[in-house]
Amino acid sequence: MLDMGENYGPLNTKNGSKVNFYMVMPITRAETAYKLEYGMSALIDKFEEKDVPMIIDMYRKSVV
């Protein structure tokens, strides 16, 4: 599964503030159906199998 560990964790700034990072990934209808049937972890596994970059690509082909 995607390791969101310390690479994507909160960033502590010099002044003591904490910045959280979030990611939004548009998915196709087929991917949505797959997620509903098998769960988010299974969909993330599909993204990893297909080596989908974490860059929004509106022309990206479905992973399922």
PDB file of N, CA and C in Angstrom:
ATOM      1  N   MET A   1       0.837  -1.181   0.000  1.00  0.00           N
ATOM      2  CA  MET A   1       0.000   0.000   0.000  1.00  0.00           C
ATOM      3  C   MET A   1       0.881   1.243   0.000  1.00  0.00           C
ATOM      4  N   LEU A   2       0.368   2.349  -0.496  1.00  0.00           N
ATOM      5  CA  LEU A   2       1.128   3.592  -0.514  1.00  0.00           C
ATOM      6  C   LEU A   2       1.588   3.952   0.885  1.00  0.00           C
ATOM      7  N   ASP A   3       2.851   4.234   1.028  1.00  0.00           N
ATOM      8  CA  ASP A   3       3.385   4.634   2.317  1.00  0.00           C
ATOM      9  C   ASP A   3       3.377   6.148   2.375  1.00  0.00           C
ATOM     10  N   MET A   4       2.438   6.701   3.110  1.00  0.00           N
ATOM     11  CA  MET A   4       2.343   8.151   3.226  1.00  0.00           C
ATOM     12  C   MET A   4       3.184   8.641   4.406  1.00  0.00           C
ATOM     13  N   GLY A   5       3.922   7.769   5.036  1.00  0.00           N
ATOM     14  CA  GLY A   5       4.785   8.036   6.184  1.00  0.00           C
ATOM     15  C   GLY A   5       5.324   9.429   6.315  1.00  0.00           C
ATOM     16  N   GLU A   6       6.561   9.527   6.714  1.00  0.00           N
ATOM     17  CA  GLU A   6       7.137  10.828   7.018  1.00  0.00           C
ATOM     18  C   GLU A   6       7.341  11.707   5.794  1.00  0.00           C
ATOM     19  N   ASN A   7       7.368  11.152   4.588  1.00  0.00           N
ATOM     20  CA  ASN A   7       7.532  11.972   3.390  1.00  0.00           C
ATOM     21  C   ASN A   7       6.372  12.927   3.191  1.00  0.00           C
ATOM     22  N   TYR A   8       5.195  12.544   3.662  1.00  0.00           N
ATOM     23  CA  TYR A   8       4.004  13.358   3.448  1.00  0.00           C
ATOM     24  C   TYR A   8       3.379  13.820   4.755  1.00  0.00           C
ATOM     25  N   GLY A   9       4.076  13.638   5.845  1.00  0.00           N
ATOM     26  CA  GLY A   9       3.542  14.008   7.150  1.00  0.00           C
ATOM     27  C   GLY A   9       3.515  15.513   7.332  1.00  0.00           C
ATOM     28  N   PRO A  10       3.033  15.947   8.492  1.00  0.00           N
ATOM     29  CA  PRO A  10       2.991  17.390   8.753  1.00  0.00           C
ATOM     30  C   PRO A  10       4.394  18.007   8.713  1.00  0.00           C
ATOM     31  N   LEU A  11       4.437  19.237   8.272  1.00  0.00           N
ATOM     32  CA  LEU A  11       5.690  19.988   8.230  1.00  0.00           C
ATOM     33  C   LEU A  11       5.668  20.974   9.378  1.00  0.00           C
ATOM     34  N   ASN A  12       6.667  20.914  10.212  1.00  0.00           N
ATOM     35  CA  ASN A  12       6.783  21.869  11.314  1.00  0.00           C
ATOM     36  C   ASN A  12       7.620  23.037  10.829  1.00  0.00           C
ATOM     37  N   THR A  13       7.056  24.240  10.890  1.00  0.00           N
ATOM     38  CA  THR A  13       7.761  25.428  10.415  1.00  0.00           C
ATOM     39  C   THR A  13       8.654  25.997  11.515  1.00  0.00           C
ATOM     40  N   LYS A  14       9.502  26.936  11.137  1.00  0.00           N
ATOM     41  CA  LYS A  14      10.430  27.540  12.091  1.00  0.00           C
ATOM     42  C   LYS A  14       9.694  28.265  13.218  1.00  0.00           C
ATOM     43  N   ASN A  15       8.504  28.831  12.905  1.00  0.00           N
ATOM     44  CA  ASN A  15       7.775  29.570  13.940  1.00  0.00           C
ATOM     45  C   ASN A  15       6.870  28.663  14.776  1.00  0.00           C
ATOM     46  N   GLY A  16       6.969  27.338  14.584  1.00  0.00           N
ATOM     47  CA  GLY A  16       6.210  26.396  15.395  1.00  0.00           C
ATOM     48  C   GLY A  16       4.867  25.986  14.825  1.00  0.00           C
ATOM     49  N   SER A  17       4.482  26.573  13.700  1.00  0.00           N
ATOM     50  CA  SER A  17       3.226  26.179  13.062  1.00  0.00           C
ATOM     51  C   SER A  17       3.394  24.826  12.402  1.00  0.00           C
ATOM     52  N   LYS A  18       2.289  24.121  12.255  1.00  0.00           N
ATOM     53  CA  LYS A  18       2.303  22.821  11.606  1.00  0.00           C
ATOM     54  C   LYS A  18       1.480  22.927  10.320  1.00  0.00           C
ATOM     55  N   VAL A  19       2.037  22.446   9.204  1.00  0.00           N
ATOM     56  CA  VAL A  19       1.353  22.461   7.911  1.00  0.00           C
ATOM     57  C   VAL A  19       1.067  21.021   7.522  1.00  0.00           C
ATOM     58  N   ASN A  20      -0.219  20.708   7.289  1.00  0.00           N
ATOM     59  CA  ASN A  20      -0.620  19.375   6.829  1.00  0.00           C
ATOM     60  C   ASN A  20      -0.780  19.394   5.318  1.00  0.00           C
ATOM     61  N   PHE A  21      -0.415  18.314   4.664  1.00  0.00           N
ATOM     62  CA  PHE A  21      -0.534  18.182   3.223  1.00  0.00           C
ATOM     63  C   PHE A  21      -1.609  17.152   2.896  1.00  0.00           C
ATOM     64  N   TYR A  22      -2.463  17.501   1.953  1.00  0.00           N
ATOM     65  CA  TYR A  22      -3.530  16.610   1.518  1.00  0.00           C
ATOM     66  C   TYR A  22      -3.428  16.418   0.019  1.00  0.00           C
ATOM     67  N   MET A  23      -3.984  15.323  -0.470  1.00  0.00           N
ATOM     68  CA  MET A  23      -3.913  15.037  -1.896  1.00  0.00           C
ATOM     69  C   MET A  23      -5.312  14.698  -2.395  1.00  0.00           C
ATOM     70  N   VAL A  24      -5.640  15.207  -3.563  1.00  0.00           N
ATOM     71  CA  VAL A  24      -6.894  14.874  -4.223  1.00  0.00           C
ATOM     72  C   VAL A  24      -6.538  14.184  -5.528  1.00  0.00           C
ATOM     73  N   MET A  25      -7.137  13.021  -5.767  1.00  0.00           N
ATOM     74  CA  MET A  25      -6.859  12.273  -6.995  1.00  0.00           C
ATOM     75  C   MET A  25      -8.184  11.980  -7.675  1.00  0.00           C
ATOM     76  N   PRO A  26      -8.439  12.614  -8.822  1.00  0.00           N
ATOM     77  CA  PRO A  26      -9.675  12.292  -9.546  1.00  0.00           C
ATOM     78  C   PRO A  26      -9.639  10.840 -10.009  1.00  0.00           C
ATOM     79  N   ILE A  27     -10.791  10.160  -9.881  1.00  0.00           N
ATOM     80  CA  ILE A  27     -10.863   8.769 -10.323  1.00  0.00           C
ATOM     81  C   ILE A  27     -12.028   8.598 -11.288  1.00  0.00           C
ATOM     82  N   THR A  28     -11.918   7.582 -12.120  1.00  0.00           N
ATOM     83  CA  THR A  28     -12.945   7.312 -13.123  1.00  0.00           C
ATOM     84  C   THR A  28     -14.140   6.609 -12.487  1.00  0.00           C
ATOM     85  N   ARG A  29     -15.226   6.504 -13.233  1.00  0.00           N
ATOM     86  CA  ARG A  29     -16.405   5.776 -12.735  1.00  0.00           C
ATOM     87  C   ARG A  29     -16.071   4.319 -12.454  1.00  0.00           C
ATOM     88  N   ALA A  30     -15.279   3.717 -13.322  1.00  0.00           N
ATOM     89  CA  ALA A  30     -14.884   2.321 -13.120  1.00  0.00           C
ATOM     90  C   ALA A  30     -14.063   2.179 -11.837  1.00  0.00           C
ATOM     91  N   GLU A  31     -13.180   3.123 -11.588  1.00  0.00           N
ATOM     92  CA  GLU A  31     -12.375   3.082 -10.372  1.00  0.00           C
ATOM     93  C   GLU A  31     -13.243   3.288  -9.130  1.00  0.00           C
ATOM     94  N   THR A  32     -14.240   4.156  -9.238  1.00  0.00           N
ATOM     95  CA  THR A  32     -15.173   4.377  -8.130  1.00  0.00           C
ATOM     96  C   THR A  32     -15.936   3.092  -7.821  1.00  0.00           C
ATOM     97  N   ALA A  33     -16.437   2.427  -8.854  1.00  0.00           N
ATOM     98  CA  ALA A  33     -17.162   1.169  -8.666  1.00  0.00           C
ATOM     99  C   ALA A  33     -16.251   0.123  -8.033  1.00  0.00           C
ATOM    100  N   TYR A  34     -15.007   0.057  -8.488  1.00  0.00           N
ATOM    101  CA  TYR A  34     -14.037  -0.890  -7.938  1.00  0.00           C
ATOM    102  C   TYR A  34     -13.803  -0.598  -6.451  1.00  0.00           C
ATOM    103  N   LYS A  35     -13.638   0.683  -6.112  1.00  0.00           N
ATOM    104  CA  LYS A  35     -13.423   1.073  -4.720  1.00  0.00           C
ATOM    105  C   LYS A  35     -14.609   0.686  -3.848  1.00  0.00           C
ATOM    106  N   LEU A  36     -15.809   0.913  -4.345  1.00  0.00           N
ATOM    107  CA  LEU A  36     -17.002   0.567  -3.573  1.00  0.00           C
ATOM    108  C   LEU A  36     -17.119  -0.940  -3.347  1.00  0.00           C
ATOM    109  N   GLU A  37     -16.682  -1.719  -4.322  1.00  0.00           N
ATOM    110  CA  GLU A  37     -16.781  -3.172  -4.199  1.00  0.00           C
ATOM    111  C   GLU A  37     -15.649  -3.776  -3.367  1.00  0.00           C
ATOM    112  N   TYR A  38     -14.417  -3.288  -3.574  1.00  0.00           N
ATOM    113  CA  TYR A  38     -13.242  -3.919  -2.958  1.00  0.00           C
ATOM    114  C   TYR A  38     -12.561  -3.082  -1.873  1.00  0.00           C
ATOM    115  N   GLY A  39     -12.889  -1.794  -1.783  1.00  0.00           N
ATOM    116  CA  GLY A  39     -12.300  -0.924  -0.766  1.00  0.00           C
ATOM    117  C   GLY A  39     -11.179  -0.049  -1.307  1.00  0.00           C
ATOM    118  N   MET A  40     -10.889   0.986  -0.547  1.00  0.00           N
ATOM    119  CA  MET A  40      -9.880   1.971  -0.954  1.00  0.00           C
ATOM    120  C   MET A  40      -8.487   1.362  -1.025  1.00  0.00           C
ATOM    121  N   SER A  41      -8.156   0.473  -0.106  1.00  0.00           N
ATOM    122  CA  SER A  41      -6.820  -0.140  -0.121  1.00  0.00           C
ATOM    123  C   SER A  41      -6.588  -0.913  -1.415  1.00  0.00           C
ATOM    124  N   ALA A  42      -7.627  -1.611  -1.884  1.00  0.00           N
ATOM    125  CA  ALA A  42      -7.506  -2.371  -3.138  1.00  0.00           C
ATOM    126  C   ALA A  42      -7.306  -1.427  -4.321  1.00  0.00           C
ATOM    127  N   LEU A  43      -8.000  -0.286  -4.305  1.00  0.00           N
ATOM    128  CA  LEU A  43      -7.830   0.682  -5.396  1.00  0.00           C
ATOM    129  C   LEU A  43      -6.428   1.278  -5.370  1.00  0.00           C
ATOM    130  N   ILE A  44      -5.940   1.605  -4.189  1.00  0.00           N
ATOM    131  CA  ILE A  44      -4.573   2.133  -4.079  1.00  0.00           C
ATOM    132  C   ILE A  44      -3.573   1.105  -4.595  1.00  0.00           C
ATOM    133  N   ASP A  45      -3.811  -0.167  -4.294  1.00  0.00           N
ATOM    134  CA  ASP A  45      -2.931  -1.226  -4.821  1.00  0.00           C
ATOM    135  C   ASP A  45      -2.923  -1.217  -6.347  1.00  0.00           C
ATOM    136  N   LYS A  46      -4.089  -0.994  -6.968  1.00  0.00           N
ATOM    137  CA  LYS A  46      -4.173  -0.916  -8.438  1.00  0.00           C
ATOM    138  C   LYS A  46      -3.357   0.266  -8.961  1.00  0.00           C
ATOM    139  N   PHE A  47      -3.452   1.409  -8.284  1.00  0.00           N
ATOM    140  CA  PHE A  47      -2.668   2.580  -8.692  1.00  0.00           C
ATOM    141  C   PHE A  47      -1.176   2.258  -8.637  1.00  0.00           C
ATOM    142  N   GLU A  48      -0.769   1.547  -7.597  1.00  0.00           N
ATOM    143  CA  GLU A  48       0.651   1.180  -7.472  1.00  0.00           C
ATOM    144  C   GLU A  48       1.061   0.179  -8.542  1.00  0.00           C
ATOM    145  N   GLU A  49       0.205  -0.814  -8.822  1.00  0.00           N
ATOM    146  CA  GLU A  49       0.506  -1.811  -9.858  1.00  0.00           C
ATOM    147  C   GLU A  49       0.741  -1.144 -11.221  1.00  0.00           C
ATOM    148  N   LYS A  50      -0.062  -0.128 -11.514  1.00  0.00           N
ATOM    149  CA  LYS A  50       0.028   0.571 -12.803  1.00  0.00           C
ATOM    150  C   LYS A  50       1.027   1.718 -12.762  1.00  0.00           C
ATOM    151  N   ASP A  51       1.653   1.924 -11.591  1.00  0.00           N
ATOM    152  CA  ASP A  51       2.660   2.978 -11.422  1.00  0.00           C
ATOM    153  C   ASP A  51       2.121   4.350 -11.827  1.00  0.00           C
ATOM    154  N   VAL A  52       0.917   4.670 -11.339  1.00  0.00           N
ATOM    155  CA  VAL A  52       0.283   5.955 -11.649  1.00  0.00           C
ATOM    156  C   VAL A  52       1.012   7.053 -10.879  1.00  0.00           C
ATOM    157  N   PRO A  53       1.517   8.074 -11.573  1.00  0.00           N
ATOM    158  CA  PRO A  53       2.212   9.161 -10.877  1.00  0.00           C
ATOM    159  C   PRO A  53       1.213  10.006 -10.081  1.00  0.00           C
ATOM    160  N   MET A  54       1.666  10.613  -9.021  1.00  0.00           N
ATOM    161  CA  MET A  54       0.801  11.443  -8.195  1.00  0.00           C
ATOM    162  C   MET A  54       0.692  12.862  -8.774  1.00  0.00           C
ATOM    163  N   ILE A  55       0.443  12.912 -10.071  1.00  0.00           N
ATOM    164  CA  ILE A  55       0.249  14.166 -10.800  1.00  0.00           C
ATOM    165  C   ILE A  55      -1.100  14.054 -11.498  1.00  0.00           C
ATOM    166  N   ILE A  56      -1.919  15.090 -11.404  1.00  0.00           N
ATOM    167  CA  ILE A  56      -3.229  15.033 -12.040  1.00  0.00           C
ATOM    168  C   ILE A  56      -3.068  15.025 -13.554  1.00  0.00           C
ATOM    169  N   ASP A  57      -3.636  14.005 -14.177  1.00  0.00           N
ATOM    170  CA  ASP A  57      -3.614  13.858 -15.629  1.00  0.00           C
ATOM    171  C   ASP A  57      -5.039  13.569 -16.073  1.00  0.00           C
ATOM    172  N   MET A  58      -5.719  14.556 -16.634  1.00  0.00           N
ATOM    173  CA  MET A  58      -7.119  14.375 -16.989  1.00  0.00           C
ATOM    174  C   MET A  58      -7.320  13.375 -18.125  1.00  0.00           C
ATOM    175  N   TYR A  59      -6.245  12.924 -18.749  1.00  0.00           N
ATOM    176  CA  TYR A  59      -6.333  11.941 -19.829  1.00  0.00           C
ATOM    177  C   TYR A  59      -5.842  10.570 -19.388  1.00  0.00           C
ATOM    178  N   ARG A  60      -5.600  10.404 -18.090  1.00  0.00           N
ATOM    179  CA  ARG A  60      -5.111   9.137 -17.555  1.00  0.00           C
ATOM    180  C   ARG A  60      -6.128   8.029 -17.788  1.00  0.00           C
ATOM    181  N   LYS A  61      -5.653   6.872 -18.188  1.00  0.00           N
ATOM    182  CA  LYS A  61      -6.526   5.714 -18.397  1.00  0.00           C
ATOM    183  C   LYS A  61      -6.845   5.081 -17.045  1.00  0.00           C
ATOM    184  N   SER A  62      -8.007   4.458 -16.960  1.00  0.00           N
ATOM    185  CA  SER A  62      -8.435   3.787 -15.744  1.00  0.00           C
ATOM    186  C   SER A  62      -7.466   2.657 -15.390  1.00  0.00           C
ATOM    187  N   VAL A  63      -7.291   2.407 -14.096  1.00  0.00           N
ATOM    188  CA  VAL A  63      -6.410   1.343 -13.648  1.00  0.00           C
ATOM    189  C   VAL A  63      -7.146   0.015 -13.491  1.00  0.00           C
ATOM    190  N   VAL A  64      -8.462   0.021 -13.695  1.00  0.00           N
ATOM    191  CA  VAL A  64      -9.236  -1.232 -13.578  1.00  0.00           C
ATOM    192  C   VAL A  64      -9.859  -1.599 -14.914  1.00  0.00           C
TER     193      VAL A  64
END
